[in-house]
Amino acid sequence: QVQLVESGGGLVQPGGSLTLSCAASRSIFSFYVMDWYRQVPGKQRDLIARITNGGTTNYADSVKGRFTISRDNAKNTVYLQMNNLKSEDTAVYYCNVADVRGVYWGQGTQVTVSS
């Protein structure tokens, strides 16, 4: 088992930046992927960024060039740096990790982009 705790969400104006963190309760070395998803009410949860244990990253087209995913193995944490935020980025953001034992979700953190 692993517990994931997201933080860093909040209210930001369009064009602003936020950095989300997802801290794991144990070493992240075993996680072959670490992902960020987001979900708005009434819609499915969408994968927006992924980082593998080899450091390969992938992004959804909607966030490519604006968001950056990274991981700090020493701190057991994955980050999502979000720049040039738009109103359509408003959502609950979830951390998701997977290893041979299972798939795990955090509780989510709300990001609201509004003037």
C-alpha atoms as a PDB file:
ATOM      1  CA  GLN A   1       0.000   0.000   0.000  1.00  0.00           C
ATOM      2  CA  VAL A   2       0.976   3.609  -0.440  1.00  0.00           C
ATOM      3  CA  GLN A   3      -0.617   6.874   0.561  1.00  0.00           C
ATOM      4  CA  LEU A   4      -0.418   9.850  -1.768  1.00  0.00           C
ATOM      5  CA  VAL A   5      -0.969  13.383  -0.546  1.00  0.00           C
ATOM      6  CA  GLU A   6      -1.422  16.164  -3.076  1.00  0.00           C
ATOM      7  CA  SER A   7      -0.903  19.802  -2.241  1.00  0.00           C
ATOM      8  CA  GLY A   8      -0.397  23.149  -3.927  1.00  0.00           C
ATOM      9  CA  GLY A   9      -3.820  23.742  -5.416  1.00  0.00           C
ATOM     10  CA  GLY A  10      -5.701  26.979  -5.061  1.00  0.00           C
ATOM     11  CA  LEU A  11      -7.089  30.013  -6.828  1.00  0.00           C
ATOM     12  CA  VAL A  12      -4.967  31.688  -9.478  1.00  0.00           C
ATOM     13  CA  GLN A  13      -5.607  34.298 -12.130  1.00  0.00           C
ATOM     14  CA  PRO A  14      -5.418  33.454 -15.836  1.00  0.00           C
ATOM     15  CA  GLY A  15      -1.821  33.513 -16.962  1.00  0.00           C
ATOM     16  CA  GLY A  16      -0.577  32.631 -13.506  1.00  0.00           C
ATOM     17  CA  SER A  17       1.364  29.634 -12.252  1.00  0.00           C
ATOM     18  CA  LEU A  18       1.002  26.926  -9.635  1.00  0.00           C
ATOM     19  CA  THR A  19       3.080  23.947  -8.634  1.00  0.00           C
ATOM     20  CA  LEU A  20       1.324  20.823  -7.412  1.00  0.00           C
ATOM     21  CA  SER A  21       3.093  18.249  -5.258  1.00  0.00           C
ATOM     22  CA  CYS A  22       2.268  14.612  -4.648  1.00  0.00           C
ATOM     23  CA  ALA A  23       4.097  13.083  -1.716  1.00  0.00           C
ATOM     24  CA  ALA A  24       4.190   9.303  -1.393  1.00  0.00           C
ATOM     25  CA  SER A  25       4.374   7.446   1.899  1.00  0.00           C
ATOM     26  CA  ARG A  26       7.164   5.193   0.668  1.00  0.00           C
ATOM     27  CA  SER A  27       9.949   5.147  -1.875  1.00  0.00           C
ATOM     28  CA  ILE A  28       8.858   5.951  -5.395  1.00  0.00           C
ATOM     29  CA  PHE A  29      11.648   3.946  -6.999  1.00  0.00           C
ATOM     30  CA  SER A  30       9.256   1.050  -7.563  1.00  0.00           C
ATOM     31  CA  PHE A  31       6.655   3.107  -9.384  1.00  0.00           C
ATOM     32  CA  TYR A  32       7.085   2.563 -13.097  1.00  0.00           C
ATOM     33  CA  VAL A  33       4.766   5.452 -13.901  1.00  0.00           C
ATOM     34  CA  MET A  34       3.657   8.500 -11.967  1.00  0.00           C
ATOM     35  CA  ASP A  35       0.784  10.446 -13.473  1.00  0.00           C
ATOM     36  CA  TRP A  36      -1.276  13.556 -13.013  1.00  0.00           C
ATOM     37  CA  TYR A  37      -4.972  13.450 -13.951  1.00  0.00           C
ATOM     38  CA  ARG A  38      -7.630  16.083 -13.735  1.00  0.00           C
ATOM     39  CA  GLN A  39     -11.394  16.004 -13.575  1.00  0.00           C
ATOM     40  CA  VAL A  40     -14.194  18.528 -13.850  1.00  0.00           C
ATOM     41  CA  PRO A  41     -17.682  17.767 -12.527  1.00  0.00           C
ATOM     42  CA  GLY A  42     -19.702  15.579 -14.863  1.00  0.00           C
ATOM     43  CA  LYS A  43     -16.727  14.595 -16.993  1.00  0.00           C
ATOM     44  CA  GLN A  44     -14.255  11.739 -17.018  1.00  0.00           C
ATOM     45  CA  ARG A  45     -10.909  11.910 -15.317  1.00  0.00           C
ATOM     46  CA  ASP A  46      -8.265  12.699 -17.939  1.00  0.00           C
ATOM     47  CA  LEU A  47      -4.568  11.876 -17.964  1.00  0.00           C
ATOM     48  CA  ILE A  48      -2.589  15.060 -18.538  1.00  0.00           C
ATOM     49  CA  ALA A  49       1.012  14.229 -17.651  1.00  0.00           C
ATOM     50  CA  ARG A  50       3.145  11.150 -17.075  1.00  0.00           C
ATOM     51  CA  ILE A  51       6.691  10.469 -15.975  1.00  0.00           C
ATOM     52  CA  THR A  52       8.253   7.018 -16.012  1.00  0.00           C
ATOM     53  CA  ASN A  53      10.888   5.685 -13.630  1.00  0.00           C
ATOM     54  CA  GLY A  54      13.353   6.274 -16.454  1.00  0.00           C
ATOM     55  CA  GLY A  55      12.414   9.948 -16.604  1.00  0.00           C
ATOM     56  CA  THR A  56      10.463   9.860 -19.864  1.00  0.00           C
ATOM     57  CA  THR A  57       7.624  12.369 -19.890  1.00  0.00           C
ATOM     58  CA  ASN A  58       4.411  12.629 -21.880  1.00  0.00           C
ATOM     59  CA  TYR A  59       1.727  15.292 -21.938  1.00  0.00           C
ATOM     60  CA  ALA A  60      -1.786  15.750 -23.175  1.00  0.00           C
ATOM     61  CA  ASP A  61      -2.010  18.195 -26.055  1.00  0.00           C
ATOM     62  CA  SER A  62      -4.082  20.541 -23.905  1.00  0.00           C
ATOM     63  CA  VAL A  63      -1.185  21.160 -21.501  1.00  0.00           C
ATOM     64  CA  LYS A  64       1.872  20.551 -23.665  1.00  0.00           C
ATOM     65  CA  GLY A  65       4.304  23.460 -23.476  1.00  0.00           C
ATOM     66  CA  ARG A  66       2.653  24.874 -20.351  1.00  0.00           C
ATOM     67  CA  PHE A  67       2.911  22.078 -17.768  1.00  0.00           C
ATOM     68  CA  THR A  68       6.002  20.190 -16.619  1.00  0.00           C
ATOM     69  CA  ILE A  69       6.012  16.972 -14.630  1.00  0.00           C
ATOM     70  CA  SER A  70       9.042  16.011 -12.574  1.00  0.00           C
ATOM     71  CA  ARG A  71       9.981  13.681  -9.752  1.00  0.00           C
ATOM     72  CA  ASP A  72      12.334  13.883  -6.794  1.00  0.00           C
ATOM     73  CA  ASN A  73      13.183  10.356  -5.732  1.00  0.00           C
ATOM     74  CA  ALA A  74      14.940  11.549  -2.597  1.00  0.00           C
ATOM     75  CA  LYS A  75      11.762  13.254  -1.413  1.00  0.00           C
ATOM     76  CA  ASN A  76       9.367  10.575  -2.731  1.00  0.00           C
ATOM     77  CA  THR A  77       7.511  13.334  -4.519  1.00  0.00           C
ATOM     78  CA  VAL A  78       6.216  14.074  -7.988  1.00  0.00           C
ATOM     79  CA  TYR A  79       5.504  17.622  -9.087  1.00  0.00           C
ATOM     80  CA  LEU A  80       3.401  19.349 -11.702  1.00  0.00           C
ATOM     81  CA  GLN A  81       4.575  22.842 -12.606  1.00  0.00           C
ATOM     82  CA  MET A  82       1.712  24.665 -14.320  1.00  0.00           C
ATOM     83  CA  ASN A  83       2.361  27.892 -16.196  1.00  0.00           C
ATOM     84  CA  ASN A  84       0.173  30.203 -18.258  1.00  0.00           C
ATOM     85  CA  LEU A  85      -2.918  28.798 -16.628  1.00  0.00           C
ATOM     86  CA  LYS A  86      -6.245  29.140 -18.394  1.00  0.00           C
ATOM     87  CA  SER A  87      -9.819  29.020 -17.142  1.00  0.00           C
ATOM     88  CA  GLU A  88     -10.222  25.630 -18.806  1.00  0.00           C
ATOM     89  CA  ASP A  89      -7.518  24.248 -16.514  1.00  0.00           C
ATOM     90  CA  THR A  90      -9.944  24.561 -13.606  1.00  0.00           C
ATOM     91  CA  ALA A  91     -10.401  21.064 -12.200  1.00  0.00           C
ATOM     92  CA  VAL A  92      -9.559  18.713  -9.377  1.00  0.00           C
ATOM     93  CA  TYR A  93      -6.060  17.358  -9.967  1.00  0.00           C
ATOM     94  CA  TYR A  94      -5.162  13.838  -8.915  1.00  0.00           C
ATOM     95  CA  CYS A  95      -1.885  12.027  -8.534  1.00  0.00           C
ATOM     96  CA  ASN A  96      -1.782   8.401  -9.680  1.00  0.00           C
ATOM     97  CA  VAL A  97       1.036   5.907  -9.379  1.00  0.00           C
ATOM     98  CA  ALA A  98       1.459   2.271 -10.338  1.00  0.00           C
ATOM     99  CA  ASP A  99       3.770  -0.536  -9.414  1.00  0.00           C
ATOM    100  CA  VAL A 100       3.600  -4.324  -9.595  1.00  0.00           C
ATOM    101  CA  ARG A 101       1.359  -4.373  -6.529  1.00  0.00           C
ATOM    102  CA  GLY A 102      -1.335  -2.031  -7.764  1.00  0.00           C
ATOM    103  CA  VAL A 103      -2.560   1.396  -8.791  1.00  0.00           C
ATOM    104  CA  TYR A 104      -2.964   4.164  -6.237  1.00  0.00           C
ATOM    105  CA  TRP A 105      -4.731   7.522  -6.186  1.00  0.00           C
ATOM    106  CA  GLY A 106      -4.377  10.621  -4.095  1.00  0.00           C
ATOM    107  CA  GLN A 107      -7.335  12.526  -2.686  1.00  0.00           C
ATOM    108  CA  GLY A 108      -7.115  15.345  -5.223  1.00  0.00           C
ATOM    109  CA  THR A 109      -6.438  19.052  -4.999  1.00  0.00           C
ATOM    110  CA  GLN A 110      -8.635  21.784  -6.464  1.00  0.00           C
ATOM    111  CA  VAL A 111      -7.205  24.228  -8.972  1.00  0.00           C
ATOM    112  CA  THR A 112      -9.370  27.190  -9.905  1.00  0.00           C
ATOM    113  CA  VAL A 113      -8.296  29.626 -12.593  1.00  0.00           C
ATOM    114  CA  SER A 114     -10.375  32.764 -12.468  1.00  0.00           C
ATOM    115  CA  SER A 115     -10.062  36.529 -12.458  1.00  0.00           C
END
